């Protein structure tokens, strides 16, 4: 009985880690799509739809992580601002 509980916790932890990796990669994908859309002078409807799809994918997986009460110990690169030299 103890081993089955331990195995269940290990499996849950493994899938939680996979979910966090997926969240981080989807956030990067969304950021890249948004930056591409802003950089292109004449963005078309397809580019807007790709950005919207990337956003929806991210929020779908993000909501699943919230339901599972998963905490991320990694700061996403999009959160960090490189505009300032000092970090006060």
PDB file of N, CA and C in Angstrom:
ATOM      1  N   UNK A   1       0.824  -1.191   0.000  1.00  0.00           N
ATOM      2  CA  UNK A   1       0.000   0.000   0.000  1.00  0.00           C
ATOM      3  C   UNK A   1       0.869   1.256   0.000  1.00  0.00           C
ATOM      4  N   UNK A   2       1.923   1.235   0.779  1.00  0.00           N
ATOM      5  CA  UNK A   2       2.812   2.387   0.833  1.00  0.00           C
ATOM      6  C   UNK A   2       3.473   2.627  -0.518  1.00  0.00           C
ATOM      7  N   UNK A   3       3.870   1.539  -1.183  1.00  0.00           N
ATOM      8  CA  UNK A   3       4.550   1.673  -2.467  1.00  0.00           C
ATOM      9  C   UNK A   3       3.609   2.190  -3.554  1.00  0.00           C
ATOM     10  N   UNK A   4       2.359   1.799  -3.484  1.00  0.00           N
ATOM     11  CA  UNK A   4       1.410   2.293  -4.494  1.00  0.00           C
ATOM     12  C   UNK A   4       1.171   3.796  -4.318  1.00  0.00           C
ATOM     13  N   UNK A   5       1.127   4.263  -3.096  1.00  0.00           N
ATOM     14  CA  UNK A   5       0.961   5.693  -2.847  1.00  0.00           C
ATOM     15  C   UNK A   5       2.205   6.459  -3.307  1.00  0.00           C
ATOM     16  N   UNK A   6       3.379   5.909  -3.022  1.00  0.00           N
ATOM     17  CA  UNK A   6       4.625   6.535  -3.442  1.00  0.00           C
ATOM     18  C   UNK A   6       4.712   6.590  -4.963  1.00  0.00           C
ATOM     19  N   UNK A   7       4.326   5.514  -5.615  1.00  0.00           N
ATOM     20  CA  UNK A   7       4.352   5.469  -7.087  1.00  0.00           C
ATOM     21  C   UNK A   7       3.373   6.485  -7.656  1.00  0.00           C
ATOM     22  N   UNK A   8       2.199   6.602  -7.063  1.00  0.00           N
ATOM     23  CA  UNK A   8       1.192   7.560  -7.525  1.00  0.00           C
ATOM     24  C   UNK A   8       1.720   8.989  -7.400  1.00  0.00           C
ATOM     25  N   UNK A   9       2.413   9.286  -6.313  1.00  0.00           N
ATOM     26  CA  UNK A   9       2.985  10.616  -6.125  1.00  0.00           C
ATOM     27  C   UNK A   9       4.083  10.895  -7.156  1.00  0.00           C
ATOM     28  N   UNK A  10       4.896   9.875  -7.448  1.00  0.00           N
ATOM     29  CA  UNK A  10       5.946  10.049  -8.445  1.00  0.00           C
ATOM     30  C   UNK A  10       5.363  10.283  -9.830  1.00  0.00           C
ATOM     31  N   UNK A  11       4.318   9.566 -10.175  1.00  0.00           N
ATOM     32  CA  UNK A  11       3.667   9.744 -11.470  1.00  0.00           C
ATOM     33  C   UNK A  11       3.045  11.135 -11.555  1.00  0.00           C
ATOM     34  N   UNK A  12       2.387  11.563 -10.492  1.00  0.00           N
ATOM     35  CA  UNK A  12       1.787  12.898 -10.478  1.00  0.00           C
ATOM     36  C   UNK A  12       2.861  13.971 -10.633  1.00  0.00           C
ATOM     37  N   UNK A  13       3.967  13.823  -9.919  1.00  0.00           N
ATOM     38  CA  UNK A  13       5.058  14.790 -10.003  1.00  0.00           C
ATOM     39  C   UNK A  13       5.641  14.829 -11.416  1.00  0.00           C
ATOM     40  N   UNK A  14       5.776  13.672 -12.032  1.00  0.00           N
ATOM     41  CA  UNK A  14       6.313  13.600 -13.392  1.00  0.00           C
ATOM     42  C   UNK A  14       5.400  14.338 -14.374  1.00  0.00           C
ATOM     43  N   UNK A  15       4.107  14.094 -14.289  1.00  0.00           N
ATOM     44  CA  UNK A  15       3.170  14.764 -15.197  1.00  0.00           C
ATOM     45  C   UNK A  15       3.036  16.250 -14.881  1.00  0.00           C
ATOM     46  N   UNK A  16       3.169  16.616 -13.630  1.00  0.00           N
ATOM     47  CA  UNK A  16       3.169  18.039 -13.280  1.00  0.00           C
ATOM     48  C   UNK A  16       4.379  18.739 -13.893  1.00  0.00           C
ATOM     49  N   UNK A  17       5.531  18.071 -13.851  1.00  0.00           N
ATOM     50  CA  UNK A  17       6.731  18.654 -14.463  1.00  0.00           C
ATOM     51  C   UNK A  17       6.570  18.802 -15.969  1.00  0.00           C
ATOM     52  N   UNK A  18       5.971  17.804 -16.588  1.00  0.00           N
ATOM     53  CA  UNK A  18       5.716  17.889 -18.031  1.00  0.00           C
ATOM     54  C   UNK A  18       4.761  19.032 -18.355  1.00  0.00           C
ATOM     55  N   UNK A  19       3.767  19.197 -17.509  1.00  0.00           N
ATOM     56  CA  UNK A  19       2.796  20.275 -17.722  1.00  0.00           C
ATOM     57  C   UNK A  19       3.468  21.641 -17.582  1.00  0.00           C
ATOM     58  N   UNK A  20       4.365  21.786 -16.622  1.00  0.00           N
ATOM     59  CA  UNK A  20       5.094  23.052 -16.465  1.00  0.00           C
ATOM     60  C   UNK A  20       5.993  23.330 -17.665  1.00  0.00           C
ATOM     61  N   UNK A  21       6.649  22.303 -18.178  1.00  0.00           N
ATOM     62  CA  UNK A  21       7.468  22.483 -19.376  1.00  0.00           C
ATOM     63  C   UNK A  21       6.607  22.913 -20.561  1.00  0.00           C
ATOM     64  N   UNK A  22       5.440  22.302 -20.678  1.00  0.00           N
ATOM     65  CA  UNK A  22       4.526  22.656 -21.763  1.00  0.00           C
ATOM     66  C   UNK A  22       4.036  24.090 -21.620  1.00  0.00           C
ATOM     67  N   UNK A  23       3.737  24.515 -20.407  1.00  0.00           N
ATOM     68  CA  UNK A  23       3.305  25.891 -20.177  1.00  0.00           C
ATOM     69  C   UNK A  23       4.398  26.864 -20.598  1.00  0.00           C
ATOM     70  N   UNK A  24       5.627  26.586 -20.205  1.00  0.00           N
ATOM     71  CA  UNK A  24       6.725  27.477 -20.562  1.00  0.00           C
ATOM     72  C   UNK A  24       6.940  27.539 -22.070  1.00  0.00           C
ATOM     73  N   UNK A  25       6.862  26.397 -22.744  1.00  0.00           N
ATOM     74  CA  UNK A  25       7.060  26.413 -24.196  1.00  0.00           C
ATOM     75  C   UNK A  25       5.900  27.101 -24.908  1.00  0.00           C
ATOM     76  N   UNK A  26       4.673  26.923 -24.418  1.00  0.00           N
ATOM     77  CA  UNK A  26       3.526  27.601 -25.036  1.00  0.00           C
ATOM     78  C   UNK A  26       3.584  29.110 -24.812  1.00  0.00           C
ATOM     79  N   UNK A  27       4.085  29.528 -23.666  1.00  0.00           N
ATOM     80  CA  UNK A  27       4.237  30.964 -23.407  1.00  0.00           C
ATOM     81  C   UNK A  27       5.265  31.564 -24.361  1.00  0.00           C
ATOM     82  N   UNK A  28       6.376  30.868 -24.566  1.00  0.00           N
ATOM     83  CA  UNK A  28       7.381  31.341 -25.509  1.00  0.00           C
ATOM     84  C   UNK A  28       6.817  31.401 -26.926  1.00  0.00           C
ATOM     85  N   UNK A  29       6.037  30.400 -27.296  1.00  0.00           N
ATOM     86  CA  UNK A  29       5.410  30.372 -28.622  1.00  0.00           C
ATOM     87  C   UNK A  29       4.455  31.547 -28.792  1.00  0.00           C
ATOM     88  N   UNK A  30       3.674  31.830 -27.765  1.00  0.00           N
ATOM     89  CA  UNK A  30       2.728  32.949 -27.825  1.00  0.00           C
ATOM     90  C   UNK A  30       3.475  34.272 -27.930  1.00  0.00           C
ATOM     91  N   UNK A  31       4.520  34.434 -27.113  1.00  0.00           N
ATOM     92  CA  UNK A  31       5.316  35.663 -27.165  1.00  0.00           C
ATOM     93  C   UNK A  31       5.952  35.852 -28.543  1.00  0.00           C
ATOM     94  N   UNK A  32       6.463  34.761 -29.103  1.00  0.00           N
ATOM     95  CA  UNK A  32       7.080  34.845 -30.424  1.00  0.00           C
ATOM     96  C   UNK A  32       6.048  35.240 -31.481  1.00  0.00           C
ATOM     97  N   UNK A  33       4.871  34.655 -31.427  1.00  0.00           N
ATOM     98  CA  UNK A  33       3.820  34.994 -32.392  1.00  0.00           C
ATOM     99  C   UNK A  33       3.391  36.451 -32.251  1.00  0.00           C
ATOM    100  N   UNK A  34       3.300  36.932 -31.024  1.00  0.00           N
ATOM    101  CA  UNK A  34       2.905  38.324 -30.802  1.00  0.00           C
ATOM    102  C   UNK A  34       3.988  39.283 -31.297  1.00  0.00           C
ATOM    103  N   UNK A  35       5.248  38.951 -31.050  1.00  0.00           N
ATOM    104  CA  UNK A  35       6.342  39.800 -31.519  1.00  0.00           C
ATOM    105  C   UNK A  35       6.421  39.810 -33.041  1.00  0.00           C
ATOM    106  N   UNK A  36       6.180  38.659 -33.651  1.00  0.00           N
ATOM    107  CA  UNK A  36       6.187  38.586 -35.109  1.00  0.00           C
ATOM    108  C   UNK A  36       5.065  39.426 -35.692  1.00  0.00           C
ATOM    109  N   UNK A  37       3.901  39.346 -35.088  1.00  0.00           N
ATOM    110  CA  UNK A  37       2.753  40.120 -35.569  1.00  0.00           C
ATOM    111  C   UNK A  37       3.027  41.619 -35.454  1.00  0.00           C
ATOM    112  N   UNK A  38       3.651  42.044 -34.363  1.00  0.00           N
ATOM    113  CA  UNK A  38       3.978  43.462 -34.193  1.00  0.00           C
ATOM    114  C   UNK A  38       5.072  43.919 -35.149  1.00  0.00           C
ATOM    115  N   UNK A  39       6.006  43.037 -35.463  1.00  0.00           N
ATOM    116  CA  UNK A  39       7.134  43.415 -36.310  1.00  0.00           C
ATOM    117  C   UNK A  39       6.744  43.553 -37.783  1.00  0.00           C
ATOM    118  N   UNK A  40       5.757  42.779 -38.205  1.00  0.00           N
ATOM    119  CA  UNK A  40       5.346  42.810 -39.605  1.00  0.00           C
ATOM    120  C   UNK A  40       4.423  44.001 -39.815  1.00  0.00           C
ATOM    121  N   UNK A  41       4.738  44.779 -40.826  1.00  0.00           N
ATOM    122  CA  UNK A  41       3.967  46.002 -41.080  1.00  0.00           C
ATOM    123  C   UNK A  41       2.551  45.699 -41.544  1.00  0.00           C
ATOM    124  N   UNK A  42       2.405  44.725 -42.397  1.00  0.00           N
ATOM    125  CA  UNK A  42       1.071  44.418 -42.916  1.00  0.00           C
ATOM    126  C   UNK A  42       0.653  42.998 -42.499  1.00  0.00           C
ATOM    127  N   UNK A  43       0.398  42.842 -41.208  1.00  0.00           N
ATOM    128  CA  UNK A  43      -0.005  41.529 -40.712  1.00  0.00           C
ATOM    129  C   UNK A  43      -1.405  41.204 -41.223  1.00  0.00           C
ATOM    130  N   UNK A  44      -1.568  39.985 -41.669  1.00  0.00           N
ATOM    131  CA  UNK A  44      -2.845  39.570 -42.230  1.00  0.00           C
ATOM    132  C   UNK A  44      -3.678  38.826 -41.194  1.00  0.00           C
ATOM    133  N   UNK A  45      -4.843  38.412 -41.617  1.00  0.00           N
ATOM    134  CA  UNK A  45      -5.783  37.730 -40.725  1.00  0.00           C
ATOM    135  C   UNK A  45      -5.210  36.403 -40.234  1.00  0.00           C
ATOM    136  N   UNK A  46      -4.465  35.709 -41.084  1.00  0.00           N
ATOM    137  CA  UNK A  46      -3.884  34.428 -40.700  1.00  0.00           C
ATOM    138  C   UNK A  46      -2.881  34.595 -39.557  1.00  0.00           C
ATOM    139  N   UNK A  47      -2.081  35.646 -39.609  1.00  0.00           N
ATOM    140  CA  UNK A  47      -1.108  35.898 -38.552  1.00  0.00           C
ATOM    141  C   UNK A  47      -1.816  36.234 -37.235  1.00  0.00           C
ATOM    142  N   UNK A  48      -2.882  37.002 -37.312  1.00  0.00           N
ATOM    143  CA  UNK A  48      -3.657  37.314 -36.111  1.00  0.00           C
ATOM    144  C   UNK A  48      -4.289  36.059 -35.526  1.00  0.00           C
ATOM    145  N   UNK A  49      -4.762  35.173 -36.397  1.00  0.00           N
ATOM    146  CA  UNK A  49      -5.371  33.931 -35.927  1.00  0.00           C
ATOM    147  C   UNK A  49      -4.341  33.010 -35.282  1.00  0.00           C
ATOM    148  N   UNK A  50      -3.123  32.970 -35.831  1.00  0.00           N
ATOM    149  CA  UNK A  50      -2.064  32.162 -35.229  1.00  0.00           C
ATOM    150  C   UNK A  50      -1.701  32.686 -33.843  1.00  0.00           C
ATOM    151  N   UNK A  51      -1.649  33.997 -33.693  1.00  0.00           N
ATOM    152  CA  UNK A  51      -1.362  34.586 -32.384  1.00  0.00           C
ATOM    153  C   UNK A  51      -2.484  34.275 -31.403  1.00  0.00           C
ATOM    154  N   UNK A  52      -3.723  34.389 -31.862  1.00  0.00           N
ATOM    155  CA  UNK A  52      -4.866  34.088 -30.992  1.00  0.00           C
ATOM    156  C   UNK A  52      -4.884  32.612 -30.600  1.00  0.00           C
ATOM    157  N   UNK A  53      -4.543  31.737 -31.539  1.00  0.00           N
ATOM    158  CA  UNK A  53      -4.500  30.304 -31.243  1.00  0.00           C
ATOM    159  C   UNK A  53      -3.407  29.997 -30.221  1.00  0.00           C
ATOM    160  N   UNK A  54      -2.233  30.598 -30.382  1.00  0.00           N
ATOM    161  CA  UNK A  54      -1.143  30.396 -29.421  1.00  0.00           C
ATOM    162  C   UNK A  54      -1.555  30.887 -28.038  1.00  0.00           C
ATOM    163  N   UNK A  55      -2.271  31.992 -27.981  1.00  0.00           N
ATOM    164  CA  UNK A  55      -2.750  32.529 -26.705  1.00  0.00           C
ATOM    165  C   UNK A  55      -3.748  31.579 -26.044  1.00  0.00           C
ATOM    166  N   UNK A  56      -4.678  31.052 -26.831  1.00  0.00           N
ATOM    167  CA  UNK A  56      -5.685  30.142 -26.283  1.00  0.00           C
ATOM    168  C   UNK A  56      -5.076  28.828 -25.816  1.00  0.00           C
ATOM    169  N   UNK A  57      -4.084  28.326 -26.544  1.00  0.00           N
ATOM    170  CA  UNK A  57      -3.393  27.106 -26.110  1.00  0.00           C
ATOM    171  C   UNK A  57      -2.740  27.331 -24.754  1.00  0.00           C
ATOM    172  N   UNK A  58      -2.063  28.475 -24.616  1.00  0.00           N
ATOM    173  CA  UNK A  58      -1.385  28.782 -23.363  1.00  0.00           C
ATOM    174  C   UNK A  58      -2.379  28.860 -22.208  1.00  0.00           C
ATOM    175  N   UNK A  59      -3.466  29.587 -22.398  1.00  0.00           N
ATOM    176  CA  UNK A  59      -4.419  29.755 -21.302  1.00  0.00           C
ATOM    177  C   UNK A  59      -5.163  28.469 -20.972  1.00  0.00           C
ATOM    178  N   UNK A  60      -5.372  27.602 -21.962  1.00  0.00           N
ATOM    179  CA  UNK A  60      -6.012  26.321 -21.685  1.00  0.00           C
ATOM    180  C   UNK A  60      -5.140  25.477 -20.758  1.00  0.00           C
ATOM    181  N   UNK A  61      -3.862  25.370 -21.078  1.00  0.00           N
ATOM    182  CA  UNK A  61      -2.946  24.584 -20.253  1.00  0.00           C
ATOM    183  C   UNK A  61      -2.701  25.270 -18.906  1.00  0.00           C
ATOM    184  N   UNK A  62      -2.669  26.606 -18.915  1.00  0.00           N
ATOM    185  CA  UNK A  62      -2.484  27.357 -17.666  1.00  0.00           C
ATOM    186  C   UNK A  62      -3.645  27.084 -16.697  1.00  0.00           C
ATOM    187  N   UNK A  63      -4.863  27.070 -17.228  1.00  0.00           N
ATOM    188  CA  UNK A  63      -6.020  26.778 -16.367  1.00  0.00           C
ATOM    189  C   UNK A  63      -5.948  25.367 -15.801  1.00  0.00           C
ATOM    190  N   UNK A  64      -5.478  24.417 -16.583  1.00  0.00           N
ATOM    191  CA  UNK A  64      -5.322  23.051 -16.091  1.00  0.00           C
ATOM    192  C   UNK A  64      -4.308  22.998 -14.947  1.00  0.00           C
ATOM    193  N   UNK A  65      -3.241  23.761 -15.080  1.00  0.00           N
ATOM    194  CA  UNK A  65      -2.246  23.806 -14.001  1.00  0.00           C
ATOM    195  C   UNK A  65      -2.836  24.439 -12.749  1.00  0.00           C
ATOM    196  N   UNK A  66      -3.663  25.437 -12.923  1.00  0.00           N
ATOM    197  CA  UNK A  66      -4.316  26.066 -11.763  1.00  0.00           C
ATOM    198  C   UNK A  66      -5.245  25.085 -11.070  1.00  0.00           C
ATOM    199  N   UNK A  67      -5.963  24.288 -11.832  1.00  0.00           N
ATOM    200  CA  UNK A  67      -6.860  23.298 -11.251  1.00  0.00           C
ATOM    201  C   UNK A  67      -6.058  22.263 -10.463  1.00  0.00           C
ATOM    202  N   UNK A  68      -4.919  21.871 -11.008  1.00  0.00           N
ATOM    203  CA  UNK A  68      -4.075  20.878 -10.344  1.00  0.00           C
ATOM    204  C   UNK A  68      -3.211  21.480  -9.244  1.00  0.00           C
ATOM    205  N   UNK A  69      -3.270  22.819  -9.082  1.00  0.00           N
ATOM    206  CA  UNK A  69      -2.531  23.548  -8.046  1.00  0.00           C
ATOM    207  C   UNK A  69      -1.027  23.309  -8.153  1.00  0.00           C
ATOM    208  N   UNK A  70      -0.518  23.511  -9.365  1.00  0.00           N
ATOM    209  CA  UNK A  70       0.901  23.325  -9.635  1.00  0.00           C
ATOM    210  C   UNK A  70       1.603  24.671  -9.501  1.00  0.00           C
ATOM    211  N   UNK A  71       2.738  24.667  -8.850  1.00  0.00           N
ATOM    212  CA  UNK A  71       3.549  25.871  -8.683  1.00  0.00           C
ATOM    213  C   UNK A  71       4.790  25.761  -9.556  1.00  0.00           C
ATOM    214  N   UNK A  72       5.173  26.854 -10.182  1.00  0.00           N
ATOM    215  CA  UNK A  72       6.351  26.893 -11.027  1.00  0.00           C
ATOM    216  C   UNK A  72       7.451  27.642 -10.285  1.00  0.00           C
ATOM    217  N   UNK A  73       8.628  27.062 -10.242  1.00  0.00           N
ATOM    218  CA  UNK A  73       9.744  27.724  -9.561  1.00  0.00           C
ATOM    219  C   UNK A  73      10.690  28.399 -10.547  1.00  0.00           C
ATOM    220  N   UNK A  74      10.267  28.495 -11.791  1.00  0.00           N
ATOM    221  CA  UNK A  74      11.080  29.120 -12.824  1.00  0.00           C
ATOM    222  C   UNK A  74      10.399  30.405 -13.284  1.00  0.00           C
ATOM    223  N   UNK A  75      11.183  31.477 -13.421  1.00  0.00           N
ATOM    224  CA  UNK A  75      10.652  32.742 -13.911  1.00  0.00           C
ATOM    225  C   UNK A  75      10.724  32.728 -15.424  1.00  0.00           C
ATOM    226  N   UNK A  76       9.626  33.032 -16.053  1.00  0.00           N
ATOM    227  CA  UNK A  76       9.597  33.037 -17.509  1.00  0.00           C
ATOM    228  C   UNK A  76      10.364  34.239 -18.039  1.00  0.00           C
ATOM    229  N   UNK A  77      11.083  34.066 -19.136  1.00  0.00           N
ATOM    230  CA  UNK A  77      11.877  35.167 -19.691  1.00  0.00           C
ATOM    231  C   UNK A  77      11.048  36.396 -20.051  1.00  0.00           C
ATOM    232  N   UNK A  78       9.783  36.219 -20.377  1.00  0.00           N
ATOM    233  CA  UNK A  78       8.958  37.362 -20.754  1.00  0.00           C
ATOM    234  C   UNK A  78       8.636  38.256 -19.564  1.00  0.00           C
ATOM    235  N   UNK A  79       8.817  37.748 -18.351  1.00  0.00           N
ATOM    236  CA  UNK A  79       8.528  38.519 -17.146  1.00  0.00           C
ATOM    237  C   UNK A  79       9.701  39.425 -16.787  1.00  0.00           C
ATOM    238  N   UNK A  80      10.917  38.987 -17.113  1.00  0.00           N
ATOM    239  CA  UNK A  80      12.120  39.721 -16.757  1.00  0.00           C
ATOM    240  C   UNK A  80      12.301  40.901 -17.697  1.00  0.00           C
ATOM    241  N   UNK A  81      12.561  42.062 -17.136  1.00  0.00           N
ATOM    242  CA  UNK A  81      12.812  43.260 -17.927  1.00  0.00           C
ATOM    243  C   UNK A  81      14.300  43.538 -17.948  1.00  0.00           C
ATOM    244  N   UNK A  82      14.851  43.697 -19.142  1.00  0.00           N
ATOM    245  CA  UNK A  82      16.271  43.968 -19.274  1.00  0.00           C
ATOM    246  C   UNK A  82      16.536  45.449 -19.523  1.00  0.00           C
ATOM    247  N   UNK A  83      15.567  46.295 -19.264  1.00  0.00           N
ATOM    248  CA  UNK A  83      15.709  47.718 -19.506  1.00  0.00           C
ATOM    249  C   UNK A  83      16.545  48.414 -18.443  1.00  0.00           C
ATOM    250  N   UNK A  84      16.622  47.848 -17.255  1.00  0.00           N
ATOM    251  CA  UNK A  84      17.303  48.487 -16.136  1.00  0.00           C
ATOM    252  C   UNK A  84      18.605  47.759 -15.824  1.00  0.00           C
ATOM    253  N   UNK A  85      19.642  48.543 -15.489  1.00  0.00           N
ATOM    254  CA  UNK A  85      20.922  47.954 -15.130  1.00  0.00           C
ATOM    255  C   UNK A  85      20.932  47.481 -13.690  1.00  0.00           C
ATOM    256  N   UNK A  86      20.251  48.217 -12.810  1.00  0.00           N
ATOM    257  CA  UNK A  86      20.206  47.823 -11.409  1.00  0.00           C
ATOM    258  C   UNK A  86      18.848  47.161 -11.121  1.00  0.00           C
ATOM    259  N   UNK A  87      18.856  46.285 -10.155  1.00  0.00           N
ATOM    260  CA  UNK A  87      17.640  45.535  -9.832  1.00  0.00           C
ATOM    261  C   UNK A  87      17.108  45.943  -8.477  1.00  0.00           C
ATOM    262  N   UNK A  88      16.873  47.220  -8.294  1.00  0.00           N
ATOM    263  CA  UNK A  88      16.366  47.718  -7.017  1.00  0.00           C
ATOM    264  C   UNK A  88      14.875  47.842  -7.048  1.00  0.00           C
TER     265      UNK A  88
END
